[in-house]
Amino acid sequence: MPDPSRLRDSTQIVLPCGELDGIRPSIESEFTVSVFTADDHCRIIGSPVEIKAVSDYLARHGISLP
């Protein structure tokens, strides 16, 4: 049986919402993901393929993920 934390890591990105300033609309329009805000953190949820693409997009914009 797959490890739930590994599946979660491949289907979401959690980061401070300030990191998405100016690029959140682009992420929501270019990728098939949902962005949810809770307190000061944003959660980007999508398929593993979309999350990988968003991760690459964030890296191109100078946002490194843990």
Protein backbone atom coordinates (compact mmCIF):
# COMPACT_ATOMS: atom_id res chain seq x y z
CA MET A 1 0.00 0.00 0.00
CA PRO A 2 1.42 3.46 -0.91
CA ASP A 3 2.57 5.81 1.82
CA PRO A 4 -0.11 8.55 2.24
CA SER A 5 2.44 11.30 2.92
CA ARG A 6 4.26 10.50 -0.32
CA LEU A 7 1.02 10.66 -2.30
CA ARG A 8 0.14 13.96 -0.63
CA ASP A 9 3.57 15.40 -1.50
CA SER A 10 3.05 14.50 -5.15
CA THR A 11 -0.39 16.12 -5.35
CA GLN A 12 0.09 19.39 -3.47
CA ILE A 13 2.44 22.27 -2.84
CA VAL A 14 2.14 24.31 0.36
CA LEU A 15 3.93 27.64 0.63
CA PRO A 16 3.43 31.12 2.08
CA CYS A 17 0.87 33.03 0.02
CA GLY A 18 3.31 35.92 -0.38
CA GLU A 19 5.40 33.69 -2.64
CA LEU A 20 2.54 33.66 -5.15
CA ASP A 21 2.14 37.45 -5.34
CA GLY A 22 1.77 38.39 -8.98
CA ILE A 23 1.87 34.85 -10.36
CA ARG A 24 -1.18 33.20 -8.75
CA PRO A 25 -3.51 34.19 -11.63
CA SER A 26 -1.04 32.68 -14.12
CA ILE A 27 -0.83 29.44 -12.17
CA GLU A 28 -4.61 29.13 -11.99
CA SER A 29 -5.05 29.85 -15.70
CA GLU A 30 -2.13 27.85 -17.13
CA PHE A 31 -2.41 24.70 -15.00
CA THR A 32 -5.26 22.42 -13.98
CA VAL A 33 -4.89 23.03 -10.25
CA SER A 34 -6.84 24.54 -7.38
CA VAL A 35 -5.30 27.11 -5.06
CA PHE A 36 -6.69 27.34 -1.53
CA THR A 37 -5.75 29.96 1.06
CA ALA A 38 -5.64 29.15 4.78
CA ASP A 39 -4.22 31.79 7.12
CA ASP A 40 -0.92 32.85 5.55
CA HIS A 41 -0.31 29.66 3.55
CA CYS A 42 -1.55 28.64 0.13
CA ARG A 43 -2.12 25.05 -0.93
CA ILE A 44 -1.87 24.21 -4.63
CA ILE A 45 -3.61 20.91 -5.33
CA GLY A 46 -3.59 18.93 -8.57
CA SER A 47 -2.51 15.73 -10.25
CA PRO A 48 1.12 14.65 -9.85
CA VAL A 49 1.80 15.72 -13.45
CA GLU A 50 0.33 19.19 -12.89
CA ILE A 51 2.11 19.60 -9.53
CA LYS A 52 5.43 18.78 -11.20
CA ALA A 53 4.71 21.36 -13.92
CA VAL A 54 3.75 24.00 -11.33
CA SER A 55 6.89 23.19 -9.34
CA ASP A 56 9.02 23.74 -12.46
CA TYR A 57 7.12 26.99 -13.17
CA LEU A 58 7.74 28.23 -9.63
CA ALA A 59 11.44 27.38 -9.92
CA ARG A 60 11.68 29.40 -13.16
CA HIS A 61 10.23 32.33 -11.22
CA GLY A 62 12.81 32.03 -8.44
CA ILE A 63 10.60 30.27 -5.89
CA SER A 64 12.31 27.29 -4.33
CA LEU A 65 10.30 24.58 -2.63
CA PRO A 66 11.36 22.65 0.47
